[in-house]
N, C-alpha and C. Protein backbone atom coordinates (compact mmCIF):
# COMPACT_ATOMS: atom_id res chain seq x y z
N ALA A 1 -20.31 13.84 14.85
CA ALA A 1 -19.19 12.92 14.66
C ALA A 1 -18.33 12.92 15.92
N CYS A 2 -17.82 11.78 16.24
CA CYS A 2 -16.97 11.61 17.40
C CYS A 2 -15.61 12.25 17.15
N LYS A 3 -15.16 13.02 18.10
CA LYS A 3 -13.81 13.58 18.01
C LYS A 3 -12.89 12.70 18.83
N VAL A 4 -11.76 12.34 18.25
CA VAL A 4 -10.85 11.42 18.92
C VAL A 4 -10.44 11.94 20.29
N LYS A 5 -10.20 13.25 20.42
CA LYS A 5 -9.77 13.77 21.72
C LYS A 5 -10.83 13.56 22.80
N ASP A 6 -12.11 13.42 22.39
CA ASP A 6 -13.20 13.17 23.33
C ASP A 6 -13.54 11.69 23.46
N ALA A 7 -12.96 10.88 22.59
CA ALA A 7 -13.27 9.44 22.58
C ALA A 7 -12.58 8.74 23.73
N PRO A 8 -13.14 7.62 24.14
CA PRO A 8 -12.48 6.86 25.22
C PRO A 8 -11.14 6.32 24.73
N PRO A 9 -10.13 6.39 25.58
CA PRO A 9 -8.82 5.86 25.19
C PRO A 9 -8.83 4.33 25.17
N ILE A 10 -7.97 3.78 24.38
CA ILE A 10 -7.79 2.34 24.35
C ILE A 10 -6.86 1.98 25.50
N LYS A 11 -7.33 1.16 26.42
CA LYS A 11 -6.52 0.80 27.59
C LYS A 11 -6.12 -0.65 27.60
N GLU A 12 -6.76 -1.45 26.80
CA GLU A 12 -6.44 -2.88 26.73
C GLU A 12 -6.15 -3.23 25.28
N PRO A 13 -5.60 -4.40 25.04
CA PRO A 13 -5.35 -4.76 23.64
C PRO A 13 -6.63 -4.64 22.81
N TYR A 14 -6.49 -4.09 21.63
CA TYR A 14 -7.62 -3.85 20.74
C TYR A 14 -7.33 -4.47 19.39
N ALA A 15 -8.32 -5.12 18.80
CA ALA A 15 -8.15 -5.70 17.47
C ALA A 15 -9.44 -5.56 16.70
N ASP A 16 -9.30 -5.36 15.41
CA ASP A 16 -10.45 -5.33 14.51
C ASP A 16 -10.12 -6.25 13.34
N LYS A 17 -10.85 -7.33 13.21
CA LYS A 17 -10.59 -8.31 12.15
C LYS A 17 -11.40 -8.04 10.89
N PHE A 18 -12.25 -7.00 10.92
CA PHE A 18 -13.06 -6.61 9.76
C PHE A 18 -13.89 -7.76 9.21
N GLU A 19 -14.46 -8.56 10.13
CA GLU A 19 -15.30 -9.69 9.72
C GLU A 19 -16.77 -9.26 9.73
N ARG A 20 -17.06 -8.30 8.84
CA ARG A 20 -18.42 -7.77 8.72
C ARG A 20 -18.55 -7.10 7.35
N ALA A 21 -19.75 -6.68 7.02
CA ALA A 21 -19.98 -6.07 5.71
C ALA A 21 -19.68 -4.58 5.69
N ASP A 22 -19.99 -3.88 6.78
CA ASP A 22 -19.82 -2.42 6.83
C ASP A 22 -18.70 -2.03 7.77
N ILE A 23 -18.13 -0.87 7.52
CA ILE A 23 -17.02 -0.39 8.35
C ILE A 23 -17.47 -0.16 9.78
N GLY A 24 -18.64 0.43 9.98
CA GLY A 24 -19.19 0.58 11.32
C GLY A 24 -18.85 1.89 11.98
N GLY A 25 -19.49 2.10 13.15
CA GLY A 25 -19.38 3.36 13.87
C GLY A 25 -18.10 3.56 14.65
N GLY A 26 -17.23 2.57 14.68
CA GLY A 26 -15.97 2.73 15.39
C GLY A 26 -14.94 3.53 14.60
N TYR A 27 -15.36 4.02 13.44
CA TYR A 27 -14.47 4.75 12.54
C TYR A 27 -15.17 5.99 12.01
N LEU A 28 -14.39 6.97 11.62
CA LEU A 28 -14.90 8.17 10.97
C LEU A 28 -14.30 8.22 9.58
N ALA A 29 -15.13 8.05 8.56
CA ALA A 29 -14.68 8.15 7.17
C ALA A 29 -14.77 9.61 6.76
N THR A 30 -13.68 10.16 6.27
CA THR A 30 -13.66 11.57 5.84
C THR A 30 -13.81 11.69 4.33
N GLY A 31 -14.10 10.58 3.67
CA GLY A 31 -14.30 10.58 2.23
C GLY A 31 -14.74 9.21 1.77
N ASP A 32 -14.88 9.06 0.47
CA ASP A 32 -15.31 7.80 -0.12
C ASP A 32 -14.10 6.91 -0.39
N GLY A 33 -14.39 5.69 -0.79
CA GLY A 33 -13.33 4.79 -1.23
C GLY A 33 -12.97 3.70 -0.24
N TYR A 34 -13.67 3.62 0.88
CA TYR A 34 -13.37 2.59 1.87
C TYR A 34 -14.46 1.53 1.86
N ALA A 35 -14.04 0.27 1.93
CA ALA A 35 -14.97 -0.85 1.97
C ALA A 35 -14.29 -2.02 2.66
N ILE A 36 -15.10 -2.94 3.14
CA ILE A 36 -14.59 -4.20 3.70
C ILE A 36 -14.93 -5.29 2.70
N THR A 37 -13.91 -6.05 2.30
CA THR A 37 -14.08 -7.15 1.37
C THR A 37 -13.29 -8.36 1.89
N ASN A 38 -13.97 -9.47 2.08
CA ASN A 38 -13.32 -10.70 2.54
C ASN A 38 -12.46 -10.49 3.79
N GLY A 39 -12.98 -9.76 4.75
CA GLY A 39 -12.28 -9.56 6.00
C GLY A 39 -11.10 -8.61 5.94
N ALA A 40 -11.03 -7.79 4.88
CA ALA A 40 -9.93 -6.82 4.75
C ALA A 40 -10.51 -5.44 4.47
N LEU A 41 -9.92 -4.44 5.10
CA LEU A 41 -10.29 -3.06 4.83
C LEU A 41 -9.60 -2.63 3.54
N ASN A 42 -10.36 -2.10 2.61
CA ASN A 42 -9.83 -1.65 1.33
C ASN A 42 -9.98 -0.15 1.19
N ALA A 43 -8.96 0.48 0.65
CA ALA A 43 -9.01 1.90 0.33
C ALA A 43 -8.66 2.06 -1.14
N LYS A 44 -9.51 2.75 -1.86
CA LYS A 44 -9.24 3.01 -3.27
C LYS A 44 -9.63 4.45 -3.56
N GLY A 45 -8.65 5.23 -3.98
CA GLY A 45 -8.92 6.63 -4.31
C GLY A 45 -9.22 7.48 -3.10
N ALA A 46 -8.72 7.13 -1.93
CA ALA A 46 -9.00 7.89 -0.71
C ALA A 46 -8.41 9.30 -0.75
N LYS A 47 -7.29 9.49 -1.39
CA LYS A 47 -6.68 10.80 -1.64
C LYS A 47 -6.74 11.76 -0.45
N ASN A 48 -6.03 11.44 0.58
CA ASN A 48 -5.91 12.29 1.78
C ASN A 48 -7.24 12.52 2.49
N HIS A 49 -8.10 11.51 2.44
CA HIS A 49 -9.33 11.49 3.22
C HIS A 49 -9.24 10.25 4.12
N PRO A 50 -8.56 10.39 5.27
CA PRO A 50 -8.32 9.22 6.13
C PRO A 50 -9.61 8.58 6.64
N LEU A 51 -9.50 7.32 6.95
CA LEU A 51 -10.50 6.60 7.73
C LEU A 51 -9.93 6.57 9.14
N TRP A 52 -10.49 7.35 10.02
CA TRP A 52 -9.95 7.48 11.37
C TRP A 52 -10.58 6.47 12.32
N LEU A 53 -9.77 5.84 13.14
CA LEU A 53 -10.26 5.05 14.26
C LEU A 53 -10.82 6.04 15.28
N ALA A 54 -12.03 5.82 15.74
CA ALA A 54 -12.68 6.75 16.65
C ALA A 54 -12.35 6.45 18.11
N ARG A 55 -11.11 6.15 18.36
CA ARG A 55 -10.61 5.90 19.71
C ARG A 55 -9.23 6.51 19.82
N ARG A 56 -8.88 6.99 20.99
CA ARG A 56 -7.55 7.54 21.22
C ARG A 56 -6.56 6.42 21.48
N LEU A 57 -5.42 6.51 20.82
CA LEU A 57 -4.33 5.57 21.10
C LEU A 57 -3.56 6.07 22.32
N PRO A 58 -3.04 5.17 23.13
CA PRO A 58 -2.20 5.60 24.25
C PRO A 58 -0.91 6.22 23.73
N ARG A 59 -0.25 6.98 24.57
CA ARG A 59 1.01 7.64 24.20
C ARG A 59 2.03 6.59 23.74
N ASP A 60 2.28 5.61 24.55
CA ASP A 60 3.18 4.52 24.19
C ASP A 60 2.31 3.35 23.72
N VAL A 61 2.56 2.91 22.48
CA VAL A 61 1.65 1.94 21.88
C VAL A 61 2.36 1.15 20.78
N ARG A 62 1.82 -0.03 20.49
CA ARG A 62 2.25 -0.82 19.33
C ARG A 62 1.02 -1.09 18.49
N VAL A 63 1.10 -0.77 17.20
CA VAL A 63 0.01 -0.98 16.26
C VAL A 63 0.53 -1.93 15.18
N GLU A 64 -0.23 -3.01 14.92
CA GLU A 64 0.19 -3.98 13.91
C GLU A 64 -0.96 -4.25 12.95
N PHE A 65 -0.60 -4.40 11.68
CA PHE A 65 -1.58 -4.74 10.65
C PHE A 65 -0.86 -5.20 9.39
N ASP A 66 -1.61 -5.81 8.50
CA ASP A 66 -1.09 -6.20 7.19
C ASP A 66 -1.59 -5.19 6.17
N ALA A 67 -0.71 -4.86 5.22
CA ALA A 67 -1.06 -3.89 4.19
C ALA A 67 -0.43 -4.30 2.87
N TRP A 68 -1.12 -3.97 1.78
CA TRP A 68 -0.57 -4.27 0.46
C TRP A 68 -1.19 -3.33 -0.56
N SER A 69 -0.55 -3.26 -1.70
CA SER A 69 -1.04 -2.49 -2.82
C SER A 69 -1.13 -3.41 -4.03
N THR A 70 -2.14 -3.20 -4.84
CA THR A 70 -2.26 -3.96 -6.07
C THR A 70 -1.56 -3.25 -7.24
N ASP A 71 -1.05 -2.07 -6.96
CA ASP A 71 -0.46 -1.22 -8.00
C ASP A 71 1.07 -1.26 -7.93
N ARG A 72 1.73 -1.31 -9.05
CA ARG A 72 3.20 -1.32 -9.07
C ARG A 72 3.80 -0.01 -8.55
N ARG A 73 2.97 1.04 -8.47
CA ARG A 73 3.45 2.33 -7.95
C ARG A 73 3.53 2.34 -6.42
N GLY A 74 3.07 1.27 -5.78
CA GLY A 74 3.17 1.18 -4.33
C GLY A 74 2.20 2.12 -3.63
N ASP A 75 2.77 3.03 -2.85
CA ASP A 75 2.02 4.08 -2.17
C ASP A 75 1.05 3.55 -1.13
N ILE A 76 1.56 2.78 -0.18
CA ILE A 76 0.79 2.35 0.98
C ILE A 76 1.01 3.41 2.05
N LYS A 77 -0.08 4.03 2.53
CA LYS A 77 0.06 5.20 3.40
C LYS A 77 -0.96 5.17 4.53
N ILE A 78 -0.50 5.52 5.72
CA ILE A 78 -1.40 5.74 6.85
C ILE A 78 -1.00 7.03 7.55
N GLU A 79 -1.93 7.56 8.31
CA GLU A 79 -1.63 8.64 9.24
C GLU A 79 -1.96 8.11 10.62
N ILE A 80 -1.05 8.34 11.57
CA ILE A 80 -1.21 7.83 12.92
C ILE A 80 -0.96 8.94 13.92
N PHE A 81 -1.65 8.89 15.04
CA PHE A 81 -1.55 9.87 16.13
C PHE A 81 -2.06 11.24 15.69
N GLY A 82 -3.02 11.26 14.76
CA GLY A 82 -3.62 12.51 14.32
C GLY A 82 -4.82 12.88 15.17
N ASP A 83 -5.54 13.92 14.74
CA ASP A 83 -6.67 14.42 15.53
C ASP A 83 -7.96 13.63 15.33
N GLY A 84 -7.98 12.71 14.37
CA GLY A 84 -9.13 11.85 14.19
C GLY A 84 -10.26 12.44 13.38
N ARG A 85 -10.05 13.58 12.75
CA ARG A 85 -11.12 14.18 11.95
C ARG A 85 -10.63 14.95 10.73
N SER A 86 -9.36 15.30 10.66
CA SER A 86 -8.85 16.15 9.57
C SER A 86 -8.74 15.38 8.26
N TYR A 87 -8.84 16.13 7.17
CA TYR A 87 -8.70 15.58 5.82
C TYR A 87 -8.48 16.73 4.86
N ASP A 88 -8.19 16.39 3.61
CA ASP A 88 -7.98 17.38 2.55
C ASP A 88 -9.34 17.71 1.95
N PRO A 89 -9.89 18.90 2.22
CA PRO A 89 -11.26 19.20 1.77
C PRO A 89 -11.39 19.51 0.28
N ASP A 90 -10.31 19.94 -0.37
CA ASP A 90 -10.45 20.43 -1.74
C ASP A 90 -9.47 19.85 -2.75
N GLY A 91 -8.72 18.82 -2.38
CA GLY A 91 -7.76 18.23 -3.31
C GLY A 91 -6.46 19.00 -3.43
N GLY A 92 -6.29 20.00 -2.60
CA GLY A 92 -5.05 20.78 -2.59
C GLY A 92 -4.06 20.17 -1.62
N ALA A 93 -3.26 21.00 -1.01
CA ALA A 93 -2.26 20.53 -0.05
C ALA A 93 -2.96 20.06 1.23
N TYR A 94 -2.44 18.98 1.79
CA TYR A 94 -2.97 18.44 3.04
C TYR A 94 -1.86 18.41 4.06
N LEU A 95 -2.08 19.05 5.19
CA LEU A 95 -1.14 18.96 6.29
C LEU A 95 -1.73 18.03 7.33
N ALA A 96 -1.02 16.97 7.59
CA ALA A 96 -1.47 15.97 8.56
C ALA A 96 -1.50 16.57 9.96
N THR A 97 -2.19 15.91 10.85
CA THR A 97 -2.21 16.33 12.25
C THR A 97 -1.40 15.37 13.11
N GLY A 98 -0.85 14.35 12.48
CA GLY A 98 -0.03 13.37 13.18
C GLY A 98 1.20 13.04 12.35
N TYR A 99 1.47 11.77 12.24
CA TYR A 99 2.63 11.29 11.47
C TYR A 99 2.12 10.53 10.25
N GLU A 100 2.72 10.78 9.11
CA GLU A 100 2.39 10.04 7.91
C GLU A 100 3.47 8.98 7.70
N VAL A 101 3.03 7.76 7.49
CA VAL A 101 3.93 6.63 7.27
C VAL A 101 3.61 6.13 5.87
N VAL A 102 4.59 6.22 4.97
CA VAL A 102 4.36 5.90 3.56
C VAL A 102 5.40 4.90 3.10
N PHE A 103 4.93 3.81 2.50
CA PHE A 103 5.81 2.78 1.93
C PHE A 103 5.64 2.82 0.42
N GLY A 104 6.72 3.11 -0.28
CA GLY A 104 6.70 3.13 -1.74
C GLY A 104 5.96 4.33 -2.31
N GLY A 105 6.06 5.46 -1.65
CA GLY A 105 5.41 6.67 -2.15
C GLY A 105 6.16 7.25 -3.35
N TRP A 106 5.55 8.24 -3.95
CA TRP A 106 6.17 8.95 -5.07
C TRP A 106 6.57 7.97 -6.17
N SER A 107 5.56 7.20 -6.61
CA SER A 107 5.74 6.17 -7.64
C SER A 107 6.77 5.12 -7.24
N ASN A 108 6.71 4.73 -5.97
CA ASN A 108 7.54 3.65 -5.43
C ASN A 108 9.03 4.01 -5.39
N THR A 109 9.32 5.30 -5.13
CA THR A 109 10.72 5.74 -5.08
C THR A 109 11.23 5.97 -3.67
N LYS A 110 10.35 6.15 -2.68
CA LYS A 110 10.83 6.35 -1.32
C LYS A 110 9.77 6.00 -0.30
N SER A 111 10.23 5.74 0.91
CA SER A 111 9.39 5.45 2.06
C SER A 111 9.76 6.41 3.16
N ILE A 112 8.76 6.87 3.94
CA ILE A 112 9.01 7.91 4.94
C ILE A 112 8.20 7.72 6.21
N ILE A 113 8.69 8.34 7.28
CA ILE A 113 7.88 8.73 8.43
C ILE A 113 8.02 10.24 8.47
N ALA A 114 6.90 10.95 8.36
CA ALA A 114 6.93 12.41 8.35
C ALA A 114 6.05 12.95 9.47
N ARG A 115 6.52 14.00 10.08
CA ARG A 115 5.74 14.69 11.11
C ARG A 115 4.97 15.83 10.44
N LEU A 116 3.67 15.73 10.41
CA LEU A 116 2.73 16.74 9.93
C LEU A 116 2.70 16.98 8.43
N ASP A 117 3.80 16.79 7.71
CA ASP A 117 3.80 17.13 6.28
C ASP A 117 4.73 16.20 5.51
N GLU A 118 4.15 15.31 4.72
CA GLU A 118 4.96 14.36 3.96
C GLU A 118 5.83 15.04 2.91
N HIS A 119 5.55 16.30 2.60
CA HIS A 119 6.36 17.05 1.62
C HIS A 119 7.31 18.02 2.31
N GLY A 120 7.34 18.00 3.64
CA GLY A 120 8.18 18.92 4.40
C GLY A 120 9.57 18.36 4.65
N LYS A 121 10.23 18.94 5.64
CA LYS A 121 11.60 18.55 5.97
C LYS A 121 11.69 17.75 7.25
N ASP A 122 10.60 17.68 7.99
CA ASP A 122 10.58 17.01 9.29
C ASP A 122 10.23 15.53 9.09
N LEU A 123 11.21 14.77 8.55
CA LEU A 123 10.94 13.38 8.22
C LEU A 123 12.23 12.57 8.14
N VAL A 124 12.05 11.27 8.11
CA VAL A 124 13.14 10.34 7.81
C VAL A 124 12.69 9.53 6.61
N GLN A 125 13.65 9.10 5.79
CA GLN A 125 13.27 8.38 4.58
C GLN A 125 14.33 7.39 4.16
N ARG A 126 13.93 6.50 3.29
CA ARG A 126 14.84 5.58 2.63
C ARG A 126 14.24 5.25 1.25
N SER A 127 15.11 4.78 0.36
CA SER A 127 14.64 4.54 -1.00
C SER A 127 15.11 3.20 -1.57
N ASP A 128 15.64 2.34 -0.72
CA ASP A 128 16.22 1.09 -1.23
C ASP A 128 15.21 -0.05 -1.40
N LEU A 129 14.11 -0.06 -0.68
CA LEU A 129 13.12 -1.13 -0.79
C LEU A 129 11.86 -0.62 -1.48
N LYS A 130 11.33 -1.42 -2.37
CA LYS A 130 10.14 -1.06 -3.15
C LYS A 130 8.97 -1.96 -2.78
N VAL A 131 7.76 -1.45 -2.97
CA VAL A 131 6.55 -2.23 -2.77
C VAL A 131 6.35 -3.13 -3.99
N ALA A 132 6.16 -4.41 -3.74
CA ALA A 132 5.84 -5.36 -4.82
C ALA A 132 4.32 -5.49 -4.89
N PRO A 133 3.72 -5.37 -6.07
CA PRO A 133 2.26 -5.48 -6.19
C PRO A 133 1.75 -6.80 -5.61
N ASP A 134 0.66 -6.70 -4.87
CA ASP A 134 -0.06 -7.84 -4.28
C ASP A 134 0.70 -8.57 -3.18
N LYS A 135 1.87 -8.11 -2.80
CA LYS A 135 2.61 -8.72 -1.69
C LYS A 135 2.08 -8.13 -0.39
N LYS A 136 1.71 -9.00 0.53
CA LYS A 136 1.23 -8.53 1.83
C LYS A 136 2.43 -8.28 2.74
N TYR A 137 2.43 -7.10 3.35
CA TYR A 137 3.49 -6.69 4.27
C TYR A 137 2.88 -6.58 5.67
N HIS A 138 3.59 -7.09 6.65
CA HIS A 138 3.17 -6.95 8.04
C HIS A 138 3.87 -5.72 8.61
N TRP A 139 3.08 -4.74 9.04
CA TRP A 139 3.62 -3.51 9.62
C TRP A 139 3.47 -3.57 11.14
N ARG A 140 4.47 -3.07 11.81
CA ARG A 140 4.42 -2.86 13.26
C ARG A 140 4.97 -1.46 13.51
N ILE A 141 4.14 -0.61 14.08
CA ILE A 141 4.55 0.76 14.40
C ILE A 141 4.49 0.88 15.92
N GLU A 142 5.60 1.30 16.50
CA GLU A 142 5.68 1.44 17.96
C GLU A 142 6.09 2.87 18.30
N ARG A 143 5.44 3.41 19.32
CA ARG A 143 5.88 4.69 19.87
C ARG A 143 6.12 4.49 21.35
N LYS A 144 7.32 4.87 21.77
CA LYS A 144 7.68 4.86 23.18
C LYS A 144 8.40 6.17 23.44
N GLY A 145 7.82 6.98 24.32
CA GLY A 145 8.39 8.30 24.55
C GLY A 145 8.32 9.12 23.28
N ARG A 146 9.45 9.60 22.84
CA ARG A 146 9.47 10.47 21.65
C ARG A 146 9.93 9.75 20.39
N VAL A 147 10.08 8.43 20.45
CA VAL A 147 10.61 7.67 19.32
C VAL A 147 9.52 6.80 18.70
N ILE A 148 9.38 6.92 17.38
CA ILE A 148 8.49 6.08 16.60
C ILE A 148 9.35 5.14 15.78
N LYS A 149 9.07 3.85 15.90
CA LYS A 149 9.78 2.83 15.12
C LYS A 149 8.78 2.11 14.23
N TRP A 150 9.18 1.90 12.99
CA TRP A 150 8.34 1.20 12.02
C TRP A 150 9.09 -0.03 11.52
N PHE A 151 8.48 -1.18 11.73
CA PHE A 151 9.05 -2.46 11.30
C PHE A 151 8.19 -3.01 10.17
N VAL A 152 8.81 -3.62 9.18
CA VAL A 152 8.10 -4.25 8.07
C VAL A 152 8.49 -5.73 8.05
N ASP A 153 7.47 -6.56 7.98
CA ASP A 153 7.62 -8.01 8.00
C ASP A 153 8.39 -8.45 9.24
N ASP A 154 9.38 -9.29 9.10
CA ASP A 154 10.05 -9.85 10.28
C ASP A 154 11.36 -9.14 10.62
N MET A 155 11.48 -7.88 10.22
CA MET A 155 12.70 -7.13 10.53
C MET A 155 12.91 -7.05 12.03
N THR A 156 14.16 -7.26 12.46
CA THR A 156 14.47 -7.08 13.88
C THR A 156 14.92 -5.65 14.15
N LYS A 157 15.40 -4.97 13.13
CA LYS A 157 15.75 -3.55 13.24
C LYS A 157 14.67 -2.75 12.53
N PRO A 158 14.39 -1.53 12.99
CA PRO A 158 13.34 -0.74 12.35
C PRO A 158 13.62 -0.48 10.87
N PHE A 159 12.56 -0.54 10.09
CA PHE A 159 12.60 -0.13 8.68
C PHE A 159 12.92 1.36 8.63
N LEU A 160 12.26 2.13 9.49
CA LEU A 160 12.57 3.54 9.72
C LEU A 160 12.30 3.85 11.18
N GLN A 161 13.00 4.86 11.68
CA GLN A 161 12.84 5.29 13.06
C GLN A 161 12.87 6.81 13.08
N TYR A 162 11.95 7.42 13.83
CA TYR A 162 11.84 8.88 13.90
C TYR A 162 11.88 9.30 15.35
N ASP A 163 12.82 10.14 15.70
CA ASP A 163 12.95 10.68 17.05
C ASP A 163 12.41 12.09 17.04
N ASP A 164 11.28 12.30 17.71
CA ASP A 164 10.61 13.59 17.70
C ASP A 164 10.73 14.29 19.05
N PRO A 165 11.63 15.26 19.16
CA PRO A 165 11.79 15.95 20.43
C PRO A 165 10.58 16.83 20.79
N GLN A 166 9.69 17.05 19.82
CA GLN A 166 8.51 17.88 20.09
C GLN A 166 7.32 17.03 20.48
């Protein structure tokens, strides 16, 4: 399996429109539950088994995509800037290797950017906006220097912002 630290870095704009039947070799699936349907990547029951992009992101980067949940409990979650191979092997506690970005987690009660542990203290959160089932949200995550900004839809100010001195 390709390790992200050994993978070629992305140096030019990169896009994946998922216009194919299979996920393909550009990703490392650490569990079941991922499929491409009608040009969209779907995750169902992934439970802390990320689908990793097998390419290194640059230090300063902007990542954009659309995401939605069909469930009223929300819980749209990604891990970004991780090691590209880690996952929860036994269904117990999972410590991320990057940042976890969660919209409508904990039964749609809060949204966070967390460093390494979504259940830890090294995070920023808010609880005023909820995920609406089947509503598509446009996410933009930017990292410049030590600051990660997360924008949802057409917000001009970050939905959440995390300043990581480490």
